[in-house]
């Protein structure tokens, strides 16, 4: 089954819901063209980036850092299993 992505006038690519739901809004992608084909490859975020982007205020605990560091590989495994 094929679905369509739509390029809007503000240069936003709207993905089908089934595709969109597999990613987080902050996910980044490598994009390249191969003839007429457009390829998107998700780049897994660095656990250090996630920690760096945590809210300011109370310091993040070592347990929270540990959870973040282990969450990234867990997300990768979950996505591969789908």
N, C-alpha and C. Protein backbone atom coordinates (compact mmCIF):
# COMPACT_ATOMS: atom_id res chain seq x y z
N UNK A 1 0.84 -1.17 0.00
CA UNK A 1 0.00 0.00 0.00
C UNK A 1 0.89 1.24 0.00
N UNK A 2 0.61 2.17 -0.86
CA UNK A 2 1.36 3.41 -0.95
C UNK A 2 0.50 4.57 -0.48
N UNK A 3 1.13 5.48 0.21
CA UNK A 3 0.47 6.72 0.61
C UNK A 3 1.30 7.86 0.09
N UNK A 4 0.74 9.06 0.11
CA UNK A 4 1.43 10.21 -0.45
C UNK A 4 1.89 11.18 0.63
N UNK A 5 3.07 11.74 0.42
CA UNK A 5 3.55 12.87 1.22
C UNK A 5 3.28 14.11 0.37
N UNK A 6 3.01 15.22 1.02
CA UNK A 6 2.66 16.45 0.30
C UNK A 6 3.65 17.55 0.67
N UNK A 7 4.21 18.22 -0.33
CA UNK A 7 5.08 19.37 -0.10
C UNK A 7 4.20 20.62 -0.14
N UNK A 8 4.15 21.34 1.00
CA UNK A 8 3.29 22.51 1.09
C UNK A 8 4.02 23.75 0.56
N UNK A 9 3.29 24.84 0.40
CA UNK A 9 3.87 26.08 -0.13
C UNK A 9 4.91 26.68 0.82
N UNK A 10 4.86 26.32 2.10
CA UNK A 10 5.88 26.82 3.03
C UNK A 10 7.05 25.85 3.17
N UNK A 11 7.21 24.97 2.18
CA UNK A 11 8.34 24.03 2.08
C UNK A 11 8.35 22.98 3.18
N UNK A 12 7.18 22.63 3.70
CA UNK A 12 7.05 21.59 4.71
C UNK A 12 6.58 20.32 4.02
N UNK A 13 7.23 19.21 4.33
CA UNK A 13 6.83 17.92 3.78
C UNK A 13 5.90 17.24 4.77
N UNK A 14 4.64 17.08 4.42
CA UNK A 14 3.66 16.43 5.29
C UNK A 14 3.67 14.94 4.98
N UNK A 15 4.01 14.17 6.00
CA UNK A 15 4.10 12.71 5.85
C UNK A 15 2.76 12.07 6.19
N UNK A 16 2.48 10.90 5.62
CA UNK A 16 1.28 10.17 6.01
C UNK A 16 1.33 9.85 7.50
N UNK A 17 0.17 9.79 8.15
CA UNK A 17 0.09 9.57 9.60
C UNK A 17 0.85 8.32 10.04
N UNK A 18 0.74 7.23 9.29
CA UNK A 18 1.41 5.98 9.66
C UNK A 18 2.93 6.15 9.68
N UNK A 19 3.46 7.00 8.85
CA UNK A 19 4.90 7.27 8.82
C UNK A 19 5.26 8.24 9.93
N UNK A 20 4.51 9.32 10.03
CA UNK A 20 4.77 10.37 11.01
C UNK A 20 4.80 9.83 12.44
N UNK A 21 3.88 8.92 12.75
CA UNK A 21 3.77 8.40 14.11
C UNK A 21 4.96 7.58 14.56
N UNK A 22 5.81 7.19 13.64
CA UNK A 22 6.99 6.39 13.98
C UNK A 22 8.16 7.24 14.45
N UNK A 23 8.02 8.57 14.36
CA UNK A 23 9.12 9.47 14.68
C UNK A 23 8.71 10.48 15.73
N UNK A 24 9.70 11.14 16.30
CA UNK A 24 9.47 12.23 17.24
C UNK A 24 9.58 13.55 16.50
N UNK A 25 8.88 14.59 16.93
CA UNK A 25 8.94 15.88 16.23
C UNK A 25 10.36 16.45 16.12
N UNK A 26 11.24 16.11 17.04
CA UNK A 26 12.60 16.66 17.01
C UNK A 26 13.58 15.78 16.22
N UNK A 27 13.12 14.66 15.65
CA UNK A 27 14.02 13.78 14.89
C UNK A 27 14.61 14.52 13.70
N UNK A 28 15.84 14.17 13.38
CA UNK A 28 16.52 14.77 12.22
C UNK A 28 16.79 13.67 11.20
N UNK A 29 16.88 14.08 9.93
CA UNK A 29 17.04 13.13 8.83
C UNK A 29 18.13 13.60 7.87
N UNK A 30 18.82 12.63 7.28
CA UNK A 30 19.69 12.91 6.14
C UNK A 30 18.78 12.75 4.92
N UNK A 31 18.89 13.67 3.98
CA UNK A 31 18.04 13.65 2.78
C UNK A 31 18.94 13.65 1.55
N UNK A 32 18.63 12.77 0.57
CA UNK A 32 19.37 12.80 -0.68
C UNK A 32 18.48 12.32 -1.83
N UNK A 33 18.87 12.75 -3.00
CA UNK A 33 18.14 12.37 -4.22
C UNK A 33 18.94 11.31 -4.95
N UNK A 34 18.23 10.38 -5.56
CA UNK A 34 18.82 9.36 -6.42
C UNK A 34 17.91 9.29 -7.64
N UNK A 35 18.28 10.05 -8.67
CA UNK A 35 17.39 10.18 -9.82
C UNK A 35 16.13 10.90 -9.39
N UNK A 36 14.98 10.27 -9.56
CA UNK A 36 13.70 10.86 -9.15
C UNK A 36 13.30 10.45 -7.74
N UNK A 37 14.09 9.58 -7.10
CA UNK A 37 13.74 9.10 -5.75
C UNK A 37 14.33 10.01 -4.68
N UNK A 38 13.51 10.34 -3.70
CA UNK A 38 13.93 11.12 -2.55
C UNK A 38 14.08 10.15 -1.38
N UNK A 39 15.22 10.18 -0.73
CA UNK A 39 15.48 9.28 0.40
C UNK A 39 15.60 10.09 1.69
N UNK A 40 15.02 9.57 2.75
CA UNK A 40 15.14 10.15 4.09
C UNK A 40 15.70 9.06 5.00
N UNK A 41 16.72 9.38 5.77
CA UNK A 41 17.27 8.44 6.74
C UNK A 41 17.34 9.14 8.08
N UNK A 42 16.66 8.59 9.08
CA UNK A 42 16.65 9.18 10.41
C UNK A 42 18.02 9.08 11.04
N UNK A 43 18.43 10.17 11.69
CA UNK A 43 19.67 10.20 12.43
C UNK A 43 19.31 10.08 13.90
N UNK A 44 19.83 9.06 14.55
CA UNK A 44 19.54 8.88 15.97
C UNK A 44 20.20 9.99 16.77
N UNK A 45 19.45 10.60 17.68
CA UNK A 45 20.04 11.68 18.47
C UNK A 45 21.09 11.16 19.44
N UNK A 46 22.10 11.95 19.68
CA UNK A 46 23.12 11.62 20.66
C UNK A 46 22.52 11.73 22.05
N UNK A 47 22.77 10.75 22.92
CA UNK A 47 22.28 10.88 24.29
C UNK A 47 22.80 12.14 24.97
N UNK A 48 23.99 12.58 24.62
CA UNK A 48 24.54 13.80 25.20
C UNK A 48 23.73 15.02 24.78
N UNK A 49 23.22 15.03 23.54
CA UNK A 49 22.37 16.13 23.07
C UNK A 49 21.09 16.19 23.88
N UNK A 50 20.53 15.02 24.18
CA UNK A 50 19.29 14.96 24.94
C UNK A 50 19.52 15.55 26.33
N UNK A 51 20.62 15.19 26.96
CA UNK A 51 20.95 15.72 28.28
C UNK A 51 21.19 17.22 28.20
N UNK A 52 21.92 17.64 27.17
CA UNK A 52 22.23 19.06 26.98
C UNK A 52 20.97 19.90 26.83
N UNK A 53 19.94 19.34 26.19
CA UNK A 53 18.72 20.08 25.92
C UNK A 53 17.69 19.98 27.05
N UNK A 54 18.08 19.38 28.16
CA UNK A 54 17.15 19.27 29.28
C UNK A 54 16.86 20.66 29.85
N UNK A 55 15.70 20.84 30.46
CA UNK A 55 15.32 22.16 30.98
C UNK A 55 16.31 22.68 32.04
N UNK A 56 16.47 23.99 32.07
CA UNK A 56 17.33 24.58 33.09
C UNK A 56 16.57 24.63 34.40
N UNK A 57 17.28 24.81 35.47
CA UNK A 57 16.65 24.84 36.79
C UNK A 57 17.31 23.80 37.65
N UNK A 58 16.51 22.86 38.12
CA UNK A 58 17.04 21.80 38.97
C UNK A 58 18.04 20.96 38.17
N UNK A 59 19.19 20.64 38.76
CA UNK A 59 20.15 19.79 38.05
C UNK A 59 19.54 18.41 37.78
N UNK A 60 19.93 17.83 36.67
CA UNK A 60 19.45 16.51 36.31
C UNK A 60 20.22 15.48 37.14
N UNK A 61 19.51 14.48 37.65
CA UNK A 61 20.15 13.48 38.51
C UNK A 61 20.91 12.46 37.66
N UNK A 62 21.81 11.75 38.30
CA UNK A 62 22.56 10.70 37.60
C UNK A 62 21.62 9.60 37.13
N UNK A 63 20.58 9.31 37.90
CA UNK A 63 19.60 8.30 37.47
C UNK A 63 18.87 8.75 36.21
N UNK A 64 18.51 10.04 36.14
CA UNK A 64 17.84 10.57 34.94
C UNK A 64 18.78 10.52 33.74
N UNK A 65 20.04 10.88 33.94
CA UNK A 65 21.03 10.81 32.84
C UNK A 65 21.17 9.37 32.37
N UNK A 66 21.27 8.45 33.31
CA UNK A 66 21.39 7.03 32.97
C UNK A 66 20.20 6.56 32.15
N UNK A 67 18.98 6.98 32.53
CA UNK A 67 17.78 6.60 31.79
C UNK A 67 17.81 7.15 30.37
N UNK A 68 18.23 8.40 30.20
CA UNK A 68 18.30 9.01 28.88
C UNK A 68 19.30 8.26 28.00
N UNK A 69 20.47 7.98 28.56
CA UNK A 69 21.52 7.30 27.80
C UNK A 69 21.05 5.92 27.33
N UNK A 70 20.26 5.23 28.15
CA UNK A 70 19.79 3.90 27.78
C UNK A 70 18.52 3.93 26.92
N UNK A 71 17.83 5.05 26.89
CA UNK A 71 16.59 5.17 26.11
C UNK A 71 16.87 5.16 24.61
N UNK A 72 17.95 5.79 24.17
CA UNK A 72 18.23 5.89 22.73
C UNK A 72 18.39 4.51 22.10
N UNK A 73 19.24 3.62 22.64
CA UNK A 73 19.33 2.27 22.03
C UNK A 73 18.01 1.51 22.11
N UNK A 74 17.24 1.73 23.19
CA UNK A 74 15.94 1.08 23.33
C UNK A 74 14.99 1.52 22.21
N UNK A 75 15.00 2.82 21.88
CA UNK A 75 14.16 3.34 20.80
C UNK A 75 14.59 2.74 19.47
N UNK A 76 15.88 2.61 19.27
CA UNK A 76 16.38 2.01 18.01
C UNK A 76 15.89 0.58 17.86
N UNK A 77 16.00 -0.21 18.95
CA UNK A 77 15.54 -1.61 18.91
C UNK A 77 14.04 -1.67 18.63
N UNK A 78 13.27 -0.81 19.29
CA UNK A 78 11.82 -0.81 19.09
C UNK A 78 11.46 -0.49 17.65
N UNK A 79 12.15 0.47 17.06
CA UNK A 79 11.86 0.86 15.66
C UNK A 79 12.24 -0.25 14.70
N UNK A 80 13.34 -0.95 14.97
CA UNK A 80 13.75 -2.07 14.09
C UNK A 80 12.76 -3.22 14.17
N UNK A 81 12.16 -3.41 15.35
CA UNK A 81 11.21 -4.51 15.54
C UNK A 81 9.89 -4.27 14.83
N UNK A 82 9.57 -3.01 14.52
CA UNK A 82 8.28 -2.69 13.88
C UNK A 82 8.25 -3.07 12.44
